[in-house]
Amino acid sequence: MSSGSQGRREQAGIDELLERVRSAYERIGPEEAAAAEGALLVDIRYAALREKDGLIPGALVVERNELEWRLDPQGSHRLPQAVSHDLRIVVICNEGYASSLAVASLRQLGLHRATDLTGGFQAWRAAGLPVAL
C-alpha cells in the first residue's frame, strides 16, 4: 500500500449517498404533502424553474443555497416561520433528488421532522394538485 492511499476510504457515489440519507427518514408523496396540516412546504427550486412551471400555493420559496440559514430556529438569519426544531418541514425540489440532500442537512441542524417530497414538484403537478402560474 502506498503512503498516498493510507487512511483513504472509498468514496460513495451519489446514488449510494441518496440511499443512505433517505434511509434515515420517511419521504412523503404529493397527496400526503398536500394534506400535511401545519407542515411548512419549502420550495428550493431555482427561479427559472419556478417561472417556467409555477408554484405550489402556500409553499415558502427558499433557494437551496439559503435553506439552512433561513430554517435554523437558532439562526440569526432565520425566517419568521422557523420557530422550532419540532417544525414539520417538507422540502420540494424539481424531481426529488436535491431535496433529499437538503433534508439531510436540515436534520443535522436538529430539524428532526424534516422530510421531502418523493418526485418533487413534478410529482405534485402530475398528481393534479394546485399550481399557481
C-alpha atoms as a PDB file:
ATOM      1  CA  MET A   1       0.000   0.000   0.000  1.00  0.00           C
ATOM      2  CA  SER A   2       1.485   3.323  -0.973  1.00  0.00           C
ATOM      3  CA  SER A   3       1.658   6.107   1.556  1.00  0.00           C
ATOM      4  CA  GLY A   4      -0.702   8.202  -0.575  1.00  0.00           C
ATOM      5  CA  SER A   5      -3.562   5.726  -0.170  1.00  0.00           C
ATOM      6  CA  GLN A   6      -3.200   5.073   3.553  1.00  0.00           C
ATOM      7  CA  GLY A   7      -6.246   6.103   5.516  1.00  0.00           C
ATOM      8  CA  ARG A   8      -8.390   6.741   2.441  1.00  0.00           C
ATOM      9  CA  ARG A   9     -11.901   5.369   2.327  1.00  0.00           C
ATOM     10  CA  GLU A  10     -13.638   4.553  -0.878  1.00  0.00           C
ATOM     11  CA  GLN A  11     -15.981   7.441  -1.629  1.00  0.00           C
ATOM     12  CA  ALA A  12     -19.700   6.888  -2.024  1.00  0.00           C
ATOM     13  CA  GLY A  13     -21.285   7.798  -5.342  1.00  0.00           C
ATOM     14  CA  ILE A  14     -24.374   9.996  -5.446  1.00  0.00           C
ATOM     15  CA  ASP A  15     -26.789   7.062  -5.725  1.00  0.00           C
ATOM     16  CA  GLU A  16     -25.321   5.449  -2.624  1.00  0.00           C
ATOM     17  CA  LEU A  17     -25.348   8.771  -0.787  1.00  0.00           C
ATOM     18  CA  LEU A  18     -29.019   9.347  -1.651  1.00  0.00           C
ATOM     19  CA  GLU A  19     -29.900   5.846  -0.488  1.00  0.00           C
ATOM     20  CA  ARG A  20     -28.067   6.388   2.776  1.00  0.00           C
ATOM     21  CA  VAL A  21     -29.622   9.763   3.607  1.00  0.00           C
ATOM     22  CA  ARG A  22     -33.109   8.645   2.575  1.00  0.00           C
ATOM     23  CA  SER A  23     -32.910   5.590   4.842  1.00  0.00           C
ATOM     24  CA  ALA A  24     -32.797   7.933   7.840  1.00  0.00           C
ATOM     25  CA  TYR A  25     -36.327   9.299   7.372  1.00  0.00           C
ATOM     26  CA  GLU A  26     -39.651   8.627   5.683  1.00  0.00           C
ATOM     27  CA  ARG A  27     -40.309  10.522   2.457  1.00  0.00           C
ATOM     28  CA  ILE A  28     -43.849  11.521   1.530  1.00  0.00           C
ATOM     29  CA  GLY A  29     -45.844  11.649  -1.692  1.00  0.00           C
ATOM     30  CA  PRO A  30     -47.737  14.578  -3.181  1.00  0.00           C
ATOM     31  CA  GLU A  31     -51.140  13.802  -1.659  1.00  0.00           C
ATOM     32  CA  GLU A  32     -49.660  13.348   1.809  1.00  0.00           C
ATOM     33  CA  ALA A  33     -47.716  16.617   1.461  1.00  0.00           C
ATOM     34  CA  ALA A  34     -50.872  18.454   0.371  1.00  0.00           C
ATOM     35  CA  ALA A  35     -52.746  17.101   3.388  1.00  0.00           C
ATOM     36  CA  ALA A  36     -49.951  17.712   5.938  1.00  0.00           C
ATOM     37  CA  GLU A  37     -51.667  20.211   8.221  1.00  0.00           C
ATOM     38  CA  GLY A  38     -49.249  22.544   9.949  1.00  0.00           C
ATOM     39  CA  ALA A  39     -46.356  21.468   7.746  1.00  0.00           C
ATOM     40  CA  LEU A  40     -44.167  24.055   6.102  1.00  0.00           C
ATOM     41  CA  LEU A  41     -43.822  23.269   2.401  1.00  0.00           C
ATOM     42  CA  VAL A  42     -40.482  24.665   1.242  1.00  0.00           C
ATOM     43  CA  ASP A  43     -39.750  25.025  -2.473  1.00  0.00           C
ATOM     44  CA  ILE A  44     -35.986  25.059  -3.104  1.00  0.00           C
ATOM     45  CA  ARG A  45     -36.156  25.135  -6.922  1.00  0.00           C
ATOM     46  CA  TYR A  46     -34.253  27.898  -8.634  1.00  0.00           C
ATOM     47  CA  ALA A  47     -36.110  30.873 -10.088  1.00  0.00           C
ATOM     48  CA  ALA A  48     -36.101  29.719 -13.729  1.00  0.00           C
ATOM     49  CA  LEU A  49     -37.937  26.510 -12.826  1.00  0.00           C
ATOM     50  CA  ARG A  50     -40.467  28.353 -10.678  1.00  0.00           C
ATOM     51  CA  GLU A  51     -41.096  30.824 -13.512  1.00  0.00           C
ATOM     52  CA  LYS A  52     -41.422  28.022 -16.068  1.00  0.00           C
ATOM     53  CA  ASP A  53     -43.578  25.574 -14.092  1.00  0.00           C
ATOM     54  CA  GLY A  54     -45.299  27.672 -11.417  1.00  0.00           C
ATOM     55  CA  LEU A  55     -45.546  27.497  -7.650  1.00  0.00           C
ATOM     56  CA  ILE A  56     -47.332  25.388  -5.094  1.00  0.00           C
ATOM     57  CA  PRO A  57     -49.830  27.732  -3.436  1.00  0.00           C
ATOM     58  CA  GLY A  58     -48.795  28.410   0.141  1.00  0.00           C
ATOM     59  CA  ALA A  59     -45.292  26.994  -0.253  1.00  0.00           C
ATOM     60  CA  LEU A  60     -42.426  29.049   1.090  1.00  0.00           C
ATOM     61  CA  VAL A  61     -39.734  29.726  -1.517  1.00  0.00           C
ATOM     62  CA  VAL A  62     -36.219  29.400  -0.109  1.00  0.00           C
ATOM     63  CA  GLU A  63     -33.434  28.910  -2.610  1.00  0.00           C
ATOM     64  CA  ARG A  64     -31.245  25.923  -1.788  1.00  0.00           C
ATOM     65  CA  ASN A  65     -28.163  27.986  -1.005  1.00  0.00           C
ATOM     66  CA  GLU A  66     -30.049  29.815   1.786  1.00  0.00           C
ATOM     67  CA  LEU A  67     -32.025  26.916   3.229  1.00  0.00           C
ATOM     68  CA  GLU A  68     -30.077  26.169   6.404  1.00  0.00           C
ATOM     69  CA  TRP A  69     -29.696  29.842   7.323  1.00  0.00           C
ATOM     70  CA  ARG A  70     -33.407  30.515   6.834  1.00  0.00           C
ATOM     71  CA  LEU A  71     -34.808  27.460   8.631  1.00  0.00           C
ATOM     72  CA  ASP A  72     -32.458  27.080  11.606  1.00  0.00           C
ATOM     73  CA  PRO A  73     -34.582  28.163  14.604  1.00  0.00           C
ATOM     74  CA  GLN A  74     -31.405  29.335  16.358  1.00  0.00           C
ATOM     75  CA  GLY A  75     -30.004  31.168  13.359  1.00  0.00           C
ATOM     76  CA  SER A  76     -29.631  34.926  13.155  1.00  0.00           C
ATOM     77  CA  HIS A  77     -30.965  34.904   9.564  1.00  0.00           C
ATOM     78  CA  ARG A  78     -33.972  32.649  10.156  1.00  0.00           C
ATOM     79  CA  LEU A  79     -37.376  33.255   8.661  1.00  0.00           C
ATOM     80  CA  PRO A  80     -40.309  34.012  10.982  1.00  0.00           C
ATOM     81  CA  GLN A  81     -41.712  30.547  10.212  1.00  0.00           C
ATOM     82  CA  ALA A  82     -38.597  28.855  11.646  1.00  0.00           C
ATOM     83  CA  VAL A  83     -39.955  28.738  15.172  1.00  0.00           C
ATOM     84  CA  SER A  84     -38.872  25.343  16.459  1.00  0.00           C
ATOM     85  CA  HIS A  85     -36.735  22.282  15.855  1.00  0.00           C
ATOM     86  CA  ASP A  86     -40.059  20.430  16.064  1.00  0.00           C
ATOM     87  CA  LEU A  87     -41.382  22.104  12.913  1.00  0.00           C
ATOM     88  CA  ARG A  88     -42.631  19.721  10.223  1.00  0.00           C
ATOM     89  CA  ILE A  89     -40.861  20.709   7.002  1.00  0.00           C
ATOM     90  CA  VAL A  90     -41.453  19.211   3.554  1.00  0.00           C
ATOM     91  CA  VAL A  91     -38.654  20.172   1.165  1.00  0.00           C
ATOM     92  CA  ILE A  92     -39.583  20.283  -2.510  1.00  0.00           C
ATOM     93  CA  CYS A  93     -37.135  20.389  -5.403  1.00  0.00           C
ATOM     94  CA  ASN A  94     -37.897  19.735  -9.043  1.00  0.00           C
ATOM     95  CA  GLU A  95     -37.750  15.915  -9.143  1.00  0.00           C
ATOM     96  CA  GLY A  96     -36.983  14.783  -5.581  1.00  0.00           C
ATOM     97  CA  TYR A  97     -33.199  14.450  -5.601  1.00  0.00           C
ATOM     98  CA  ALA A  98     -31.693  17.696  -4.304  1.00  0.00           C
ATOM     99  CA  SER A  99     -34.417  17.818  -1.667  1.00  0.00           C
ATOM    100  CA  SER A 100     -33.150  14.595  -0.096  1.00  0.00           C
ATOM    101  CA  LEU A 101     -29.684  16.069   0.383  1.00  0.00           C
ATOM    102  CA  ALA A 102     -31.263  19.254   1.759  1.00  0.00           C
ATOM    103  CA  VAL A 103     -33.255  17.216   4.287  1.00  0.00           C
ATOM    104  CA  ALA A 104     -30.072  15.509   5.478  1.00  0.00           C
ATOM    105  CA  SER A 105     -28.572  18.920   6.125  1.00  0.00           C
ATOM    106  CA  LEU A 106     -31.667  20.196   7.959  1.00  0.00           C
ATOM    107  CA  ARG A 107     -31.719  17.103  10.129  1.00  0.00           C
ATOM    108  CA  GLN A 108     -28.092  17.762  11.081  1.00  0.00           C
ATOM    109  CA  LEU A 109     -29.317  21.137  12.370  1.00  0.00           C
ATOM    110  CA  GLY A 110     -31.795  19.322  14.623  1.00  0.00           C
ATOM    111  CA  LEU A 111     -34.886  19.731  12.431  1.00  0.00           C
ATOM    112  CA  HIS A 112     -35.805  16.112  13.090  1.00  0.00           C
ATOM    113  CA  ARG A 113     -39.213  16.235  11.379  1.00  0.00           C
ATOM    114  CA  ALA A 114     -37.865  17.434   8.030  1.00  0.00           C
ATOM    115  CA  THR A 115     -38.715  15.275   5.031  1.00  0.00           C
ATOM    116  CA  ASP A 116     -39.007  15.693   1.300  1.00  0.00           C
ATOM    117  CA  LEU A 117     -41.488  15.168  -1.480  1.00  0.00           C
ATOM    118  CA  THR A 118     -40.896  11.996  -3.477  1.00  0.00           C
ATOM    119  CA  GLY A 119     -40.725  13.043  -7.123  1.00  0.00           C
ATOM    120  CA  GLY A 120     -40.576  16.728  -6.227  1.00  0.00           C
ATOM    121  CA  PHE A 121     -42.627  19.447  -7.860  1.00  0.00           C
ATOM    122  CA  GLN A 122     -43.070  17.356 -10.991  1.00  0.00           C
ATOM    123  CA  ALA A 123     -44.846  14.627  -8.985  1.00  0.00           C
ATOM    124  CA  TRP A 124     -47.034  17.286  -7.319  1.00  0.00           C
ATOM    125  CA  ARG A 125     -48.077  18.633 -10.707  1.00  0.00           C
ATOM    126  CA  ALA A 126     -48.572  15.134 -12.192  1.00  0.00           C
ATOM    127  CA  ALA A 127     -50.892  14.313  -9.277  1.00  0.00           C
ATOM    128  CA  GLY A 128     -53.136  17.192 -10.372  1.00  0.00           C
ATOM    129  CA  LEU A 129     -52.552  19.205  -7.208  1.00  0.00           C
ATOM    130  CA  PRO A 130     -52.849  23.007  -7.310  1.00  0.00           C
ATOM    131  CA  VAL A 131     -50.176  25.026  -9.085  1.00  0.00           C
ATOM    132  CA  ALA A 132     -50.141  28.818  -9.379  1.00  0.00           C
ATOM    133  CA  LEU A 133     -48.689  30.068 -12.643  1.00  0.00           C
END
